[in-house]
Every structure is written in C-alpha cells, then in structure tokens.
N, C-alpha and C. Protein backbone atom coordinates (compact mmCIF):
# COMPACT_ATOMS: atom_id res chain seq x y z
N MET A 1 -115.94 23.49 159.30
CA MET A 1 -116.35 24.76 159.86
C MET A 1 -117.74 25.10 159.28
N THR A 2 -118.64 25.43 160.16
CA THR A 2 -119.98 25.80 159.71
C THR A 2 -119.96 27.23 159.16
N PRO A 3 -120.97 27.59 158.38
CA PRO A 3 -121.03 28.96 157.88
C PRO A 3 -121.05 29.99 159.03
N ALA A 4 -121.76 29.69 160.10
CA ALA A 4 -121.81 30.62 161.24
C ALA A 4 -120.43 30.77 161.88
N ASP A 5 -119.69 29.66 162.01
CA ASP A 5 -118.34 29.73 162.56
C ASP A 5 -117.41 30.56 161.67
N TYR A 6 -117.58 30.38 160.36
CA TYR A 6 -116.76 31.14 159.42
C TYR A 6 -117.04 32.64 159.55
N VAL A 7 -118.30 33.01 159.60
CA VAL A 7 -118.67 34.42 159.72
C VAL A 7 -118.11 35.00 161.02
N GLU A 8 -118.27 34.28 162.12
CA GLU A 8 -117.74 34.77 163.39
C GLU A 8 -116.22 34.90 163.33
N SER A 9 -115.57 33.97 162.71
CA SER A 9 -114.12 34.01 162.57
C SER A 9 -113.68 35.25 161.80
N MET A 10 -114.35 35.55 160.72
CA MET A 10 -114.00 36.73 159.92
C MET A 10 -114.26 38.02 160.70
N ARG A 11 -115.37 38.06 161.43
CA ARG A 11 -115.69 39.25 162.24
C ARG A 11 -114.66 39.44 163.34
N LEU A 12 -114.24 38.34 163.97
CA LEU A 12 -113.25 38.45 165.04
C LEU A 12 -111.87 38.86 164.50
N GLU A 13 -111.49 38.34 163.35
CA GLU A 13 -110.20 38.73 162.75
C GLU A 13 -110.19 40.22 162.44
N ALA A 14 -111.27 40.73 161.88
CA ALA A 14 -111.35 42.15 161.59
C ALA A 14 -111.35 42.96 162.89
N GLY A 15 -112.08 42.49 163.88
CA GLY A 15 -112.10 43.16 165.18
C GLY A 15 -110.75 43.15 165.86
N ARG A 16 -110.02 42.04 165.72
CA ARG A 16 -108.68 41.94 166.31
C ARG A 16 -107.75 42.98 165.70
N ARG A 17 -107.81 43.13 164.39
CA ARG A 17 -106.95 44.12 163.74
C ARG A 17 -107.28 45.54 164.20
N LEU A 18 -108.58 45.83 164.32
CA LEU A 18 -108.96 47.17 164.78
C LEU A 18 -108.67 47.38 166.27
N ALA A 19 -108.66 46.31 167.04
CA ALA A 19 -108.38 46.44 168.47
C ALA A 19 -106.98 46.97 168.72
N GLU A 20 -106.10 46.84 167.75
CA GLU A 20 -104.74 47.37 167.89
C GLU A 20 -104.72 48.89 167.83
N ASP A 21 -105.75 49.49 167.28
CA ASP A 21 -105.86 50.95 167.19
C ASP A 21 -106.55 51.45 168.45
N ILE A 22 -105.76 52.02 169.36
CA ILE A 22 -106.31 52.40 170.66
C ILE A 22 -107.27 53.60 170.58
N SER A 23 -107.33 54.26 169.43
CA SER A 23 -108.25 55.41 169.31
C SER A 23 -109.70 54.97 169.06
N ILE A 24 -109.91 53.70 168.75
CA ILE A 24 -111.27 53.20 168.49
C ILE A 24 -111.77 52.45 169.72
N PRO A 25 -112.87 52.89 170.32
CA PRO A 25 -113.40 52.20 171.50
C PRO A 25 -113.79 50.76 171.17
N LEU A 26 -113.54 49.86 172.11
CA LEU A 26 -113.88 48.46 171.91
C LEU A 26 -115.38 48.25 171.70
N LYS A 27 -116.21 49.06 172.34
CA LYS A 27 -117.66 48.96 172.13
C LYS A 27 -118.03 49.25 170.68
N LYS A 28 -117.37 50.22 170.08
CA LYS A 28 -117.64 50.55 168.67
C LYS A 28 -117.20 49.41 167.77
N ILE A 29 -116.05 48.84 168.05
CA ILE A 29 -115.59 47.70 167.25
C ILE A 29 -116.60 46.57 167.33
N ALA A 30 -117.08 46.29 168.54
CA ALA A 30 -118.04 45.20 168.74
C ALA A 30 -119.29 45.41 167.90
N THR A 31 -119.87 46.58 167.98
CA THR A 31 -121.11 46.82 167.24
C THR A 31 -120.88 46.95 165.73
N ASP A 32 -119.75 47.51 165.34
CA ASP A 32 -119.45 47.64 163.91
C ASP A 32 -119.30 46.29 163.23
N PHE A 33 -118.87 45.29 163.98
CA PHE A 33 -118.66 43.97 163.39
C PHE A 33 -119.77 42.98 163.73
N GLY A 34 -120.94 43.51 164.12
CA GLY A 34 -122.13 42.68 164.21
C GLY A 34 -122.38 41.98 165.52
N PHE A 35 -121.62 42.30 166.55
CA PHE A 35 -121.90 41.72 167.86
C PHE A 35 -122.97 42.56 168.54
N ASN A 36 -123.84 41.91 169.29
CA ASN A 36 -124.94 42.62 169.95
C ASN A 36 -124.45 43.66 170.93
N ASP A 37 -123.35 43.35 171.60
CA ASP A 37 -122.78 44.28 172.57
C ASP A 37 -121.32 43.90 172.80
N ASP A 38 -120.65 44.71 173.62
CA ASP A 38 -119.23 44.46 173.86
C ASP A 38 -119.00 43.19 174.68
N VAL A 39 -119.97 42.77 175.46
CA VAL A 39 -119.83 41.53 176.24
C VAL A 39 -119.74 40.32 175.32
N ALA A 40 -120.61 40.27 174.33
CA ALA A 40 -120.57 39.17 173.36
C ALA A 40 -119.26 39.17 172.59
N PHE A 41 -118.78 40.36 172.23
CA PHE A 41 -117.50 40.48 171.54
C PHE A 41 -116.36 39.97 172.42
N ARG A 42 -116.35 40.39 173.69
CA ARG A 42 -115.29 39.95 174.62
C ARG A 42 -115.28 38.44 174.78
N ARG A 43 -116.45 37.86 174.94
CA ARG A 43 -116.52 36.40 175.12
C ARG A 43 -116.02 35.65 173.89
N SER A 44 -116.47 36.07 172.73
CA SER A 44 -116.04 35.42 171.50
C SER A 44 -114.55 35.62 171.25
N PHE A 45 -114.07 36.83 171.52
CA PHE A 45 -112.66 37.16 171.34
C PHE A 45 -111.80 36.29 172.25
N ALA A 46 -112.18 36.19 173.51
CA ALA A 46 -111.41 35.38 174.48
C ALA A 46 -111.43 33.90 174.10
N ARG A 47 -112.55 33.42 173.63
CA ARG A 47 -112.66 32.02 173.22
C ARG A 47 -111.73 31.74 172.03
N ARG A 48 -111.67 32.66 171.10
CA ARG A 48 -110.87 32.46 169.88
C ARG A 48 -109.38 32.72 170.10
N PHE A 49 -109.04 33.79 170.83
CA PHE A 49 -107.65 34.21 170.94
C PHE A 49 -107.01 33.95 172.30
N GLY A 50 -107.81 33.51 173.26
CA GLY A 50 -107.26 33.18 174.57
C GLY A 50 -106.93 34.37 175.45
N THR A 51 -107.41 35.54 175.09
CA THR A 51 -107.20 36.74 175.88
C THR A 51 -108.34 37.71 175.60
N SER A 52 -108.51 38.67 176.46
CA SER A 52 -109.57 39.65 176.24
C SER A 52 -109.12 40.70 175.22
N PRO A 53 -110.07 41.40 174.60
CA PRO A 53 -109.67 42.46 173.67
C PRO A 53 -108.83 43.55 174.36
N ALA A 54 -109.15 43.86 175.60
CA ALA A 54 -108.39 44.89 176.32
C ALA A 54 -106.95 44.43 176.57
N SER A 55 -106.77 43.18 176.95
CA SER A 55 -105.41 42.66 177.17
C SER A 55 -104.64 42.61 175.86
N TYR A 56 -105.32 42.20 174.80
CA TYR A 56 -104.69 42.18 173.49
C TYR A 56 -104.25 43.59 173.10
N ARG A 57 -105.12 44.54 173.33
CA ARG A 57 -104.82 45.94 173.01
C ARG A 57 -103.62 46.45 173.79
N ARG A 58 -103.54 46.09 175.07
CA ARG A 58 -102.38 46.52 175.88
C ARG A 58 -101.08 45.95 175.33
N SER A 59 -101.14 44.74 174.80
CA SER A 59 -99.93 44.11 174.27
C SER A 59 -99.56 44.60 172.87
N PHE A 60 -100.55 44.86 172.03
CA PHE A 60 -100.28 45.14 170.63
C PHE A 60 -100.79 46.49 170.14
N GLY A 61 -101.41 47.25 171.03
CA GLY A 61 -102.00 48.54 170.62
C GLY A 61 -100.99 49.56 170.19
N THR A 62 -101.44 50.39 169.25
CA THR A 62 -100.58 51.47 168.76
C THR A 62 -101.26 52.80 168.93
C-alpha cells in the first residue's frame, strides 16, 4: 500500500463512520476529511466500499 493509498483509506474509514450520523451532511464530511468536493468523496467511497455514501447511510444511518 502506498502512502497515498493509506491516507485515503484512513480518510474514507473516518468518513464512513460519520456517514452513519444522518445529522451531518455528506458534503461536510467530504470536505472535513480532505476531499475536494462531495463528488470525489462519493467516487472514492464507492470504489472502496462498493456503495455510495447515501446508500450506506440509508442502510446504517442513525
């Protein structure tokens, strides 16, 4: 794993945990964890977890 892959992995894991909290907008999560915008976050999230952040939130959101 390259250093860049590791950093992205850690950012996505943190974003995944916050995505379960439906009171936090996905755009805020994306920017708080260093993604340029929510589109970049969605693409990376789907590549890593096989689903979109919104779908993940619908399944696991509280």
